[in-house]
Protein backbone atom coordinates (compact mmCIF):
# COMPACT_ATOMS: atom_id res chain seq x y z
CA MET A 1 -15.75 -36.95 35.09
CA LYS A 2 -18.44 -34.37 34.28
CA SER A 3 -16.09 -32.40 32.05
CA PHE A 4 -15.30 -35.33 29.76
CA PRO A 5 -18.55 -35.34 27.75
CA LEU A 6 -18.28 -31.57 27.32
CA CYS A 7 -14.77 -31.93 25.90
CA VAL A 8 -15.99 -34.57 23.47
CA LEU A 9 -18.89 -32.32 22.44
CA SER A 10 -16.59 -29.33 21.90
CA LEU A 11 -14.15 -31.42 19.88
CA SER A 12 -16.97 -32.82 17.76
CA LEU A 13 -18.29 -29.37 16.99
CA LEU A 14 -14.80 -28.13 16.06
CA LEU A 15 -14.22 -31.06 13.74
CA LEU A 16 -17.61 -30.42 12.14
CA GLN A 17 -16.75 -26.77 11.56
CA ILE A 18 -13.36 -27.60 10.05
CA SER A 19 -14.75 -30.31 7.81
CA ALA A 20 -17.44 -27.89 6.58
CA GLN A 21 -14.90 -25.25 5.49
CA GLN A 22 -15.22 -24.29 1.87
CA ILE A 23 -13.78 -21.65 -0.40
CA SER A 24 -16.65 -19.18 -0.56
CA ASP A 25 -15.47 -16.48 -2.95
CA VAL A 26 -12.97 -16.20 -5.78
CA TRP A 27 -11.76 -13.05 -7.57
CA LEU A 28 -9.65 -13.23 -10.71
CA ILE A 29 -7.64 -11.35 -13.30
CA THR A 30 -6.14 -13.33 -16.18
CA TRP A 31 -3.11 -12.57 -18.32
CA ASP A 32 -5.29 -12.10 -21.44
CA ARG A 33 -7.68 -9.66 -19.66
CA LYS A 34 -10.68 -11.91 -20.22
CA SER A 35 -11.23 -11.64 -16.49
CA LEU A 36 -10.57 -8.26 -14.87
CA PHE A 37 -11.11 -8.35 -11.12
CA THR A 38 -14.05 -10.63 -11.74
CA SER A 39 -15.96 -12.37 -8.97
CA ILE A 40 -16.44 -15.93 -10.17
CA GLY A 41 -17.67 -17.48 -6.90
CA THR A 42 -16.87 -21.16 -6.77
CA GLY A 43 -19.20 -22.28 -9.54
CA LYS A 44 -21.87 -24.92 -9.13
CA PHE A 45 -19.63 -27.13 -7.03
CA PRO A 46 -18.20 -25.53 -3.87
CA VAL A 47 -14.51 -26.12 -3.21
CA ASN A 48 -14.49 -27.97 0.11
CA PHE A 49 -11.64 -28.70 2.49
CA THR A 50 -11.65 -32.45 3.01
CA ASP A 51 -9.34 -35.15 4.32
CA PRO A 52 -5.95 -34.86 2.62
CA GLY A 53 -5.22 -36.82 -0.52
CA SER A 54 -2.27 -36.66 -2.89
CA ALA A 55 -0.65 -33.24 -3.25
CA GLY A 56 -1.11 -31.21 -6.41
CA ASP A 57 1.60 -30.09 -8.79
CA ALA A 58 1.88 -27.14 -6.40
CA ASP A 59 0.98 -27.62 -2.75
CA ILE A 60 0.11 -24.41 -0.86
CA VAL A 61 0.47 -24.78 2.91
CA ALA A 62 -1.17 -21.96 4.93
CA ASP A 63 -0.23 -21.85 8.61
CA ASP A 64 -2.24 -19.49 10.83
CA GLY A 65 -0.17 -20.61 13.79
CA THR A 66 2.50 -18.20 12.59
CA VAL A 67 1.17 -14.64 12.37
CA TYR A 68 3.11 -11.61 11.16
CA GLN A 69 2.31 -7.89 10.81
CA SER A 70 -1.09 -6.29 10.47
CA ILE A 71 -1.70 -4.88 6.99
CA LEU A 72 -3.07 -1.34 6.93
CA GLY A 73 -4.09 -1.53 3.29
CA PHE A 74 -3.00 -0.43 -0.16
CA GLY A 75 -3.19 3.02 -1.64
CA ARG A 76 -2.03 5.72 -3.97
CA SER A 77 -1.00 9.39 -3.81
CA LEU A 78 -3.43 12.24 -4.22
CA THR A 79 -0.89 14.54 -5.83
CA ASP A 80 -1.80 17.98 -7.15
CA SER A 81 -1.82 16.42 -10.63
CA SER A 82 -4.20 13.65 -9.58
CA ALA A 83 -6.58 16.03 -7.80
CA ILE A 84 -6.72 18.34 -10.84
CA THR A 85 -7.33 15.36 -13.14
CA LEU A 86 -10.15 14.03 -10.98
CA SER A 87 -11.69 17.48 -10.62
CA ASN A 88 -11.71 17.78 -14.40
CA LEU A 89 -13.48 14.42 -14.62
CA GLN A 90 -16.09 15.60 -12.13
CA SER A 91 -16.73 18.72 -14.21
CA ALA A 92 -17.05 16.69 -17.41
CA ASN A 93 -19.07 13.78 -16.02
CA SER A 94 -20.09 13.84 -12.36
CA ASP A 95 -21.65 10.35 -12.48
CA ARG A 96 -18.43 8.76 -13.71
CA TYR A 97 -16.42 10.69 -11.12
CA TRP A 98 -18.47 9.28 -8.25
CA THR A 99 -18.50 5.81 -9.77
CA LEU A 100 -14.71 5.93 -9.92
CA LEU A 101 -14.31 7.09 -6.32
CA LYS A 102 -16.63 4.34 -5.12
CA THR A 103 -14.64 1.78 -7.11
CA LEU A 104 -11.33 2.92 -5.67
CA PHE A 105 -11.63 3.95 -2.07
CA ASP A 106 -11.99 0.91 0.05
CA THR A 107 -8.23 1.04 0.85
CA THR A 108 -5.66 3.49 2.26
CA ASP A 109 -4.74 6.71 0.55
CA GLY A 110 -1.85 9.17 0.79
CA ALA A 111 -1.84 12.91 0.22
CA ASN A 112 1.17 15.09 -0.51
CA ALA A 113 1.59 18.48 1.19
CA ALA A 114 4.09 21.10 0.03
CA GLY A 115 4.69 24.84 -0.22
CA LEU A 116 2.24 26.08 2.41
CA ASP A 117 4.20 29.16 3.51
CA ASP A 118 6.37 30.93 0.96
CA THR A 119 6.91 34.11 2.97
CA PRO A 120 10.68 34.58 3.46
CA GLY A 121 11.72 34.66 7.12
CA ASP A 122 8.24 33.79 8.42
CA THR A 123 9.55 31.39 11.08
CA SER A 124 6.49 32.11 13.24
CA PHE A 125 4.35 30.98 10.28
CA ASN A 126 1.79 33.72 10.71
CA ARG A 127 1.05 33.49 6.99
CA PHE A 128 0.97 29.72 6.86
CA SER A 129 -2.09 28.50 4.97
CA VAL A 130 -3.24 25.16 3.62
CA ASP A 131 -5.10 27.25 1.04
CA ARG A 132 -1.81 27.38 -0.88
CA THR A 133 -2.55 23.78 -1.81
CA PRO A 134 -4.50 23.63 -5.10
CA SER A 135 -8.18 23.80 -4.17
CA GLN A 136 -8.86 20.53 -5.94
CA VAL A 137 -6.81 18.57 -3.35
CA PRO A 138 -9.00 19.19 -0.28
CA ALA A 139 -12.17 19.08 -2.40
CA VAL A 140 -11.40 15.64 -3.82
CA LEU A 141 -10.13 14.42 -0.46
CA LYS A 142 -13.42 15.39 1.18
CA ASP A 143 -15.31 13.46 -1.50
CA ILE A 144 -13.12 10.42 -0.86
CA LEU A 145 -13.76 10.65 2.89
CA SER A 146 -17.49 10.81 2.27
CA ILE A 147 -17.20 7.35 0.72
CA ASN A 148 -14.77 5.88 3.22
CA PRO A 149 -13.99 7.78 6.42
CA GLN A 150 -11.52 5.03 7.41
CA ILE A 151 -8.83 6.02 4.91
CA LYS A 152 -5.46 6.90 6.40
CA ILE A 153 -3.85 10.16 5.29
CA HIS A 154 -0.06 10.33 5.13
CA ILE A 155 1.29 13.76 4.22
CA LEU A 156 4.68 14.05 2.55
CA PRO A 157 6.55 17.22 1.47
CA TRP A 158 8.77 17.15 -1.58
CA SER A 159 10.66 20.27 -0.51
CA PRO A 160 10.83 22.81 2.30
CA PRO A 161 9.75 26.31 1.24
CA ALA A 162 12.30 27.98 -1.04
CA TRP A 163 13.25 30.61 1.53
CA MET A 164 14.38 27.88 3.94
CA LYS A 165 16.90 26.45 1.46
CA ASP A 166 20.41 27.29 0.38
CA SER A 167 19.24 27.18 -3.24
CA VAL A 168 16.41 29.69 -2.60
CA THR A 169 14.25 27.51 -4.84
CA MET A 170 12.10 24.44 -4.23
CA ASP A 171 13.88 22.67 -7.09
CA GLY A 172 16.99 21.10 -5.58
CA GLY A 173 19.25 22.35 -2.82
CA SER A 174 19.19 21.69 0.93
CA LEU A 175 17.54 22.99 4.06
CA GLU A 176 19.57 25.75 5.73
CA ALA A 177 21.31 24.31 8.79
CA ASN A 178 19.91 26.94 11.15
CA LEU A 179 16.29 26.29 10.14
CA THR A 180 15.74 22.71 11.26
CA THR A 181 13.61 23.84 14.22
CA ALA A 182 11.64 26.17 11.98
CA TYR A 183 11.03 23.38 9.50
CA SER A 184 9.70 21.17 12.31
CA ALA A 185 7.24 23.97 13.14
CA TYR A 186 6.32 24.16 9.45
CA LEU A 187 5.44 20.46 9.43
CA LEU A 188 3.47 20.82 12.65
CA ASN A 189 1.46 23.60 11.02
CA ALA A 190 0.76 21.34 8.05
CA VAL A 191 -0.68 18.71 10.39
CA LYS A 192 -2.69 21.35 12.29
CA SER A 193 -4.10 22.78 9.07
CA TYR A 194 -5.23 19.40 7.78
CA PHE A 195 -6.94 18.63 11.08
CA LYS A 196 -8.61 22.05 11.00
CA GLU A 197 -9.99 21.22 7.56
CA GLY A 198 -11.46 17.99 8.95
CA PHE A 199 -8.72 15.61 7.81
CA THR A 200 -7.29 13.26 10.42
CA VAL A 201 -3.60 12.84 9.63
CA TYR A 202 -2.29 9.31 10.20
CA ALA A 203 1.37 10.04 9.49
CA VAL A 204 3.77 12.72 8.33
CA SER A 205 7.13 12.28 6.64
CA ILE A 206 10.01 14.75 6.77
CA GLN A 207 11.24 14.84 3.18
CA ASN A 208 10.59 12.92 -0.03
CA GLU A 209 13.69 11.17 -1.40
CA PRO A 210 16.24 12.99 0.78
CA GLU A 211 19.19 11.77 -1.29
CA ASN A 212 17.77 13.19 -4.51
CA ASN A 213 18.89 16.66 -5.66
CA ASP A 214 16.95 17.31 -8.85
CA LYS A 215 16.82 20.86 -10.12
CA THR A 216 13.83 20.31 -12.44
CA TYR A 217 11.15 19.66 -9.80
CA PRO A 218 10.68 20.14 -6.03
CA SER A 219 13.35 18.17 -4.19
CA ALA A 220 15.87 18.61 -1.39
CA THR A 221 18.82 16.69 -0.06
CA MET A 222 18.85 15.99 3.63
CA THR A 223 21.29 13.88 5.62
CA ALA A 224 20.14 11.27 8.11
CA VAL A 225 21.56 13.42 10.93
CA VAL A 226 19.52 16.45 9.85
CA GLN A 227 16.36 14.39 9.34
CA ALA A 228 16.85 12.87 12.81
CA ARG A 229 17.17 16.34 14.33
CA ILE A 230 13.96 17.46 12.64
CA GLY A 231 12.20 14.25 13.70
CA LYS A 232 13.09 14.75 17.36
CA SER A 233 11.87 18.34 17.31
CA LEU A 234 8.69 17.46 15.41
CA ARG A 235 7.87 14.59 17.78
CA THR A 236 8.06 16.99 20.71
CA LEU A 237 5.89 19.56 18.95
CA LEU A 238 3.27 16.99 17.94
CA ASP A 239 3.05 15.62 21.47
CA GLN A 240 2.82 19.12 22.98
CA ASN A 241 -0.09 19.90 20.64
CA ASN A 242 -2.04 16.70 21.38
CA PHE A 243 -1.07 14.97 18.14
CA ASN A 244 0.46 12.03 19.98
CA ASN A 245 -1.16 9.55 17.60
CA VAL A 246 0.33 11.09 14.46
CA LYS A 247 3.20 8.90 13.33
CA ILE A 248 6.49 10.20 11.94
CA ILE A 249 7.89 8.16 9.05
CA GLY A 250 11.47 8.58 7.88
CA ASN A 251 13.59 7.82 4.81
CA GLU A 252 11.10 7.85 1.87
CA HIS A 253 13.70 6.67 -0.62
CA ASN A 254 14.73 3.64 -2.65
CA TRP A 255 15.31 0.07 -1.52
CA SER A 256 18.93 0.33 -2.67
CA ASP A 257 20.04 2.29 0.41
CA ALA A 258 18.07 0.28 2.97
CA ALA A 259 21.30 -0.59 4.80
CA GLY A 260 22.41 3.06 4.92
CA PHE A 261 20.22 6.13 5.44
CA PRO A 262 17.25 4.56 7.28
CA ILE A 263 19.48 2.64 9.70
CA SER A 264 21.54 5.75 10.49
CA LEU A 265 18.30 7.70 10.94
CA ILE A 266 16.77 5.33 13.49
CA GLN A 267 20.07 4.96 15.32
CA SER A 268 20.14 8.75 15.70
CA ALA A 269 16.48 9.20 16.71
CA PRO A 270 14.94 5.86 17.75
CA ASP A 271 12.13 7.45 19.78
CA ALA A 272 11.11 10.04 17.21
CA PHE A 273 10.33 7.79 14.25
CA ASP A 274 7.64 5.10 14.14
CA GLY A 275 9.20 3.60 11.05
CA VAL A 276 10.57 4.19 7.57
CA ALA A 277 9.26 4.14 4.01
CA PHE A 278 10.77 2.86 0.79
CA HIS A 279 10.38 3.57 -2.93
CA CYS A 280 10.74 1.00 -5.70
CA TYR A 281 12.96 2.66 -8.31
CA GLN A 282 16.36 1.23 -7.34
CA GLY A 283 17.40 -1.90 -5.48
CA ALA A 284 15.27 -4.93 -4.66
CA VAL A 285 12.34 -5.48 -2.31
CA ALA A 286 14.41 -7.94 -0.26
CA ASP A 287 16.61 -4.98 0.71
CA GLN A 288 13.90 -4.08 3.24
CA ASP A 289 15.27 -6.95 5.33
CA GLU A 290 18.48 -4.97 5.82
CA PHE A 291 16.47 -2.50 7.85
CA SER A 292 14.04 -4.85 9.61
CA SER A 293 16.85 -7.11 10.78
CA LYS A 294 18.31 -4.15 12.70
CA PHE A 295 15.01 -2.69 13.91
CA PRO A 296 12.35 -5.44 13.97
CA SER A 297 9.96 -3.33 16.07
CA LYS A 298 9.91 -0.41 13.64
CA GLU A 299 7.23 -0.13 10.96
CA ILE A 300 7.95 -0.43 7.24
CA TYR A 301 5.90 1.18 4.46
CA MET A 302 6.29 0.95 0.68
CA THR A 303 5.07 4.38 -0.39
CA GLU A 304 5.97 5.07 -4.01
CA CYS A 305 6.14 3.22 -7.29
CA SER A 306 4.92 4.45 -10.67
CA GLY A 307 3.80 2.79 -13.85
CA THR A 308 5.12 3.96 -17.22
CA ILE A 309 2.96 4.67 -20.27
CA GLY A 310 3.31 2.00 -22.95
CA SER A 311 4.66 -0.79 -20.75
CA ASP A 312 3.46 -4.39 -21.01
CA TRP A 313 0.19 -5.04 -19.14
CA TRP A 314 0.83 -8.61 -18.00
CA GLY A 315 4.54 -7.97 -17.43
CA ASP A 316 3.59 -5.12 -15.09
CA ILE A 317 1.08 -7.26 -13.22
CA LYS A 318 3.76 -9.89 -12.58
CA TRP A 319 6.26 -7.32 -11.34
CA TYR A 320 3.78 -5.55 -9.08
CA MET A 321 2.56 -8.74 -7.46
CA ASP A 322 6.08 -10.09 -6.98
CA ASN A 323 7.58 -6.89 -5.61
CA LEU A 324 4.75 -4.82 -4.12
CA TRP A 325 1.45 -6.47 -3.30
CA ILE A 326 2.96 -9.79 -2.20
CA GLY A 327 6.70 -9.08 -2.02
CA ALA A 328 6.78 -5.86 0.02
CA LEU A 329 4.50 -7.43 2.63
CA GLU A 330 6.63 -10.58 2.75
CA HIS A 331 9.53 -8.32 3.65
CA GLY A 332 7.75 -6.56 6.48
CA ALA A 333 5.76 -3.71 4.92
CA MET A 334 2.47 -2.81 6.63
CA ALA A 335 1.17 -1.05 3.52
CA ALA A 336 2.09 -0.55 -0.12
CA LEU A 337 1.24 2.44 -2.29
CA MET A 338 1.57 3.54 -5.89
CA TRP A 339 2.24 7.13 -6.90
CA ASN A 340 -0.34 9.14 -8.86
CA LEU A 341 -3.95 8.21 -8.35
CA ALA A 342 -5.05 9.60 -11.71
CA LEU A 343 -3.44 11.19 -14.77
CA ASP A 344 -4.48 11.69 -18.38
CA ASP A 345 -3.39 9.49 -21.28
CA LYS A 346 -0.19 11.52 -21.76
CA GLY A 347 0.81 11.36 -18.09
CA GLN A 348 -0.27 14.96 -17.56
CA PRO A 349 -0.52 17.35 -15.83
CA MET A 350 3.08 17.65 -14.69
CA LEU A 351 5.60 20.44 -14.25
CA PRO A 352 6.73 21.40 -17.78
CA GLU A 353 10.43 21.56 -16.89
CA SER A 354 10.51 18.27 -14.95
CA ASP A 355 12.84 15.48 -16.13
CA SER A 356 10.89 12.94 -14.08
CA CYS A 357 8.72 10.25 -15.65
CA ASP A 358 10.75 9.26 -18.72
CA GLY A 359 8.17 7.95 -21.18
CA GLY A 360 5.32 9.38 -19.11
CA CYS A 361 4.05 8.27 -15.71
CA ARG A 362 0.81 6.32 -15.60
CA GLY A 363 -1.68 6.63 -12.77
CA ILE A 364 -3.84 3.96 -11.20
CA VAL A 365 -6.52 5.43 -13.44
CA THR A 366 -6.23 7.13 -16.82
CA VAL A 367 -8.79 9.89 -17.34
CA SER A 368 -9.80 11.03 -20.80
CA GLY A 369 -12.48 13.71 -21.08
CA GLY A 370 -15.54 12.51 -19.21
CA ASP A 371 -14.49 8.89 -18.78
CA TYR A 372 -11.70 6.80 -17.33
CA THR A 373 -9.81 3.53 -17.72
CA LEU A 374 -8.64 1.38 -14.82
CA ASP A 375 -4.99 0.50 -15.38
CA GLN A 376 -2.92 -2.56 -14.45
CA GLU A 377 -1.83 -0.80 -11.28
CA PHE A 378 -5.45 -0.82 -10.14
CA TYR A 379 -6.19 -4.42 -11.07
CA SER A 380 -3.12 -5.87 -9.38
CA MET A 381 -3.72 -3.76 -6.26
CA ALA A 382 -7.40 -4.70 -6.16
CA GLN A 383 -6.59 -8.41 -6.06
CA ALA A 384 -4.32 -7.90 -3.06
CA SER A 385 -6.75 -5.54 -1.33
CA LYS A 386 -9.55 -8.09 -1.52
CA ALA A 387 -7.58 -10.39 0.78
CA ILE A 388 -7.14 -8.00 3.69
CA LEU A 389 -10.20 -5.73 3.76
CA PRO A 390 -12.27 -5.71 6.97
CA VAL A 391 -14.98 -8.34 7.12
CA ASN A 392 -17.35 -5.80 8.67
CA ALA A 393 -17.44 -2.00 8.47
CA GLY A 394 -15.05 -0.60 11.05
CA GLY A 395 -13.45 -3.98 11.68
CA PRO A 396 -9.75 -4.84 11.58
CA PHE A 397 -7.75 -5.30 8.41
CA GLY A 398 -6.00 -8.58 7.75
CA ARG A 399 -2.73 -9.90 9.15
CA ARG A 400 -0.16 -11.76 7.15
CA ILE A 401 0.21 -15.43 8.08
CA ASP A 402 2.80 -17.97 7.08
CA VAL A 403 2.53 -19.74 3.75
CA ALA A 404 4.79 -22.07 1.78
CA VAL A 405 4.50 -23.54 -1.70
CA LYS A 406 5.77 -27.05 -2.26
CA GLY A 407 5.65 -29.52 -5.14
CA ALA A 408 7.17 -29.86 -8.58
CA SER A 409 5.48 -26.65 -9.81
CA ASN A 410 6.11 -24.55 -6.69
CA SER A 411 8.00 -21.88 -8.66
CA ALA A 412 4.96 -21.34 -10.88
CA LEU A 413 3.03 -19.70 -8.05
CA ARG A 414 3.64 -16.57 -5.95
CA VAL A 415 1.44 -16.65 -2.85
CA GLY A 416 0.51 -14.39 0.06
CA ALA A 417 -1.74 -15.57 2.91
CA TYR A 418 -3.81 -13.47 5.32
CA ALA A 419 -6.23 -13.81 8.25
CA THR A 420 -8.89 -11.19 9.03
CA GLY A 421 -10.81 -11.36 12.29
CA GLY A 422 -13.85 -9.44 13.43
CA VAL A 423 -16.56 -11.59 11.86
CA LYS A 424 -19.52 -10.05 13.69
CA GLY A 425 -21.37 -12.30 16.11
CA THR A 426 -19.02 -15.25 15.67
CA ASP A 427 -15.57 -16.44 16.64
CA ARG A 428 -14.73 -17.06 13.01
CA THR A 429 -11.92 -15.61 10.93
CA ARG A 430 -11.74 -15.07 7.17
CA TYR A 431 -8.68 -16.60 5.56
CA ALA A 432 -7.48 -15.51 2.14
CA LEU A 433 -4.84 -16.40 -0.40
CA VAL A 434 -3.52 -14.13 -3.15
CA VAL A 435 -2.08 -16.46 -5.76
CA MET A 436 -0.23 -15.36 -8.88
CA ASN A 437 0.30 -18.04 -11.48
CA TRP A 438 3.08 -16.62 -13.63
CA ASN A 439 3.72 -19.91 -15.39
CA ASP A 440 3.68 -18.45 -18.92
CA ASN A 441 7.09 -19.84 -19.99
CA SER A 442 8.12 -16.37 -21.21
CA SER A 443 11.54 -16.75 -19.59
CA GLN A 444 12.25 -19.60 -22.04
CA GLY A 445 11.71 -17.28 -25.00
CA SER A 446 8.24 -18.60 -25.78
CA PHE A 447 4.79 -17.80 -24.41
CA ASN A 448 2.70 -20.71 -23.28
CA PRO A 449 0.38 -19.88 -20.36
CA THR A 450 -0.13 -23.06 -18.36
CA PRO A 451 -2.68 -23.53 -15.53
CA VAL A 452 -1.38 -25.11 -12.33
CA LYS A 453 -3.28 -27.87 -10.51
CA ALA A 454 -2.78 -27.11 -6.85
CA THR A 455 -3.77 -28.28 -3.42
CA ILE A 456 -4.32 -25.99 -0.45
CA GLU A 457 -3.43 -27.36 2.99
CA PHE A 458 -4.99 -25.79 6.09
CA ARG A 459 -5.28 -27.23 9.61
CA GLY A 460 -4.92 -30.80 8.44
CA LYS A 461 -7.51 -30.45 5.66
CA GLN A 462 -7.04 -30.05 1.93
CA ALA A 463 -8.78 -28.28 -0.95
CA LYS A 464 -8.04 -28.58 -4.65
CA TYR A 465 -8.00 -25.71 -7.09
CA THR A 466 -6.61 -25.14 -10.59
CA PHE A 467 -5.11 -21.67 -10.94
CA PRO A 468 -5.18 -20.07 -14.41
CA VAL A 469 -2.32 -17.82 -15.47
CA GLY A 470 -3.17 -14.56 -13.76
CA VAL A 471 -3.93 -13.53 -10.18
CA THR A 472 -6.54 -15.28 -8.05
CA THR A 473 -7.79 -14.17 -4.64
CA LEU A 474 -9.89 -16.67 -2.69
CA TRP A 475 -11.56 -16.76 0.74
CA TRP A 476 -12.76 -19.23 3.30
CA PHE A 477 -13.94 -18.95 6.90
CA ALA A 478 -12.84 -20.99 9.90
CA PRO A 479 -12.95 -20.77 13.70
CA SER A 480 -10.46 -18.25 15.02
CA ASN A 481 -7.12 -19.70 16.04
């Protein structure tokens, strides 16, 4: 009998909290660039969740009763080219350099490592040195860490040293069969060297695009069997050297072979690899399901995709949201990354003989002299990042939750939904939607951007919002489920 009034009181408080939910922040980019990652709040009239009424033209149903993977964040690669470009910006205009880093680095980042011991036959790696990396890479990385020490560093070689390969060059060829153990030691030394320099390595991959044999830039072919052998050896070496927490990520190639190489790899070395990574250049994002259906407990990362100079701004935004920032996560990815962090307006610097980047690769940022421009890769990524960032410093990142879009205009919206806990001093969780309205009628041969009147359903309550053509990220807080 005594517990009954307490139950009524608890229920009343819960109902009060739910009824008081309101969308508290809105961020927006629009197709015409009139809004570029702009915080518009909710205006003079807050958007409240109230008792349900009639559904909108699109009805977004967010269900935090179904929770999927944690999202580590979004990032980009600090290649040699990007580090040199950023260093040049710092020399030309230090204030703009630091402003840029502060704008960018509230998400994950990846750094490439290659060519750290070019002494033929040095299988003991006595002459191994991270100093062979261009000096700008560690310098810029240290600056990034000074802004956000939570970034996760994933190192990825594009080729073993030339002396380890049958081609005796870093451009194309394959690892010599008798040097798989030596190459594992090489990768261990890379991890050790980064830690010695003060960089905590989150993950290491074995080989970039192991099915790609390009003789114009560093590359190497490597079968799944060979990569598995290296992974097993490297896992042992990492554990023996107290790097148990460093993950090993396999594959690092296109979606198109998701049912081939990565599955064979994990079948051959299930205990060595924490997961696999994909690139975006061939196949479809849904191909990731070919892998996850076989190995649901293994992690998936989307680690490379590049913009091209001269491409359509809004067309790129639509593709990135559909395939990377919403799509890759829908298909199991824990993180999604673009390639170069920064390049100049000609896609430079790059190796002069390289046949990569037809038309010129574009970075997240284009640097020109002492200034920079944030590109569509940044703006689309920023909208997605806003939904999953920690509520408090040092807190957890968001987790993907279930979402469905119903109604006559359901195909006009692409939606991802996320829940982020850790609201300090409370039991509340931040909920977020990333909503792309791509209802521009361009597929019909015309261009007529049309806003969508939508309703948002959550825990039996409903909010109404009209989404302009573009990408909208919005938040609300509710008691943790």
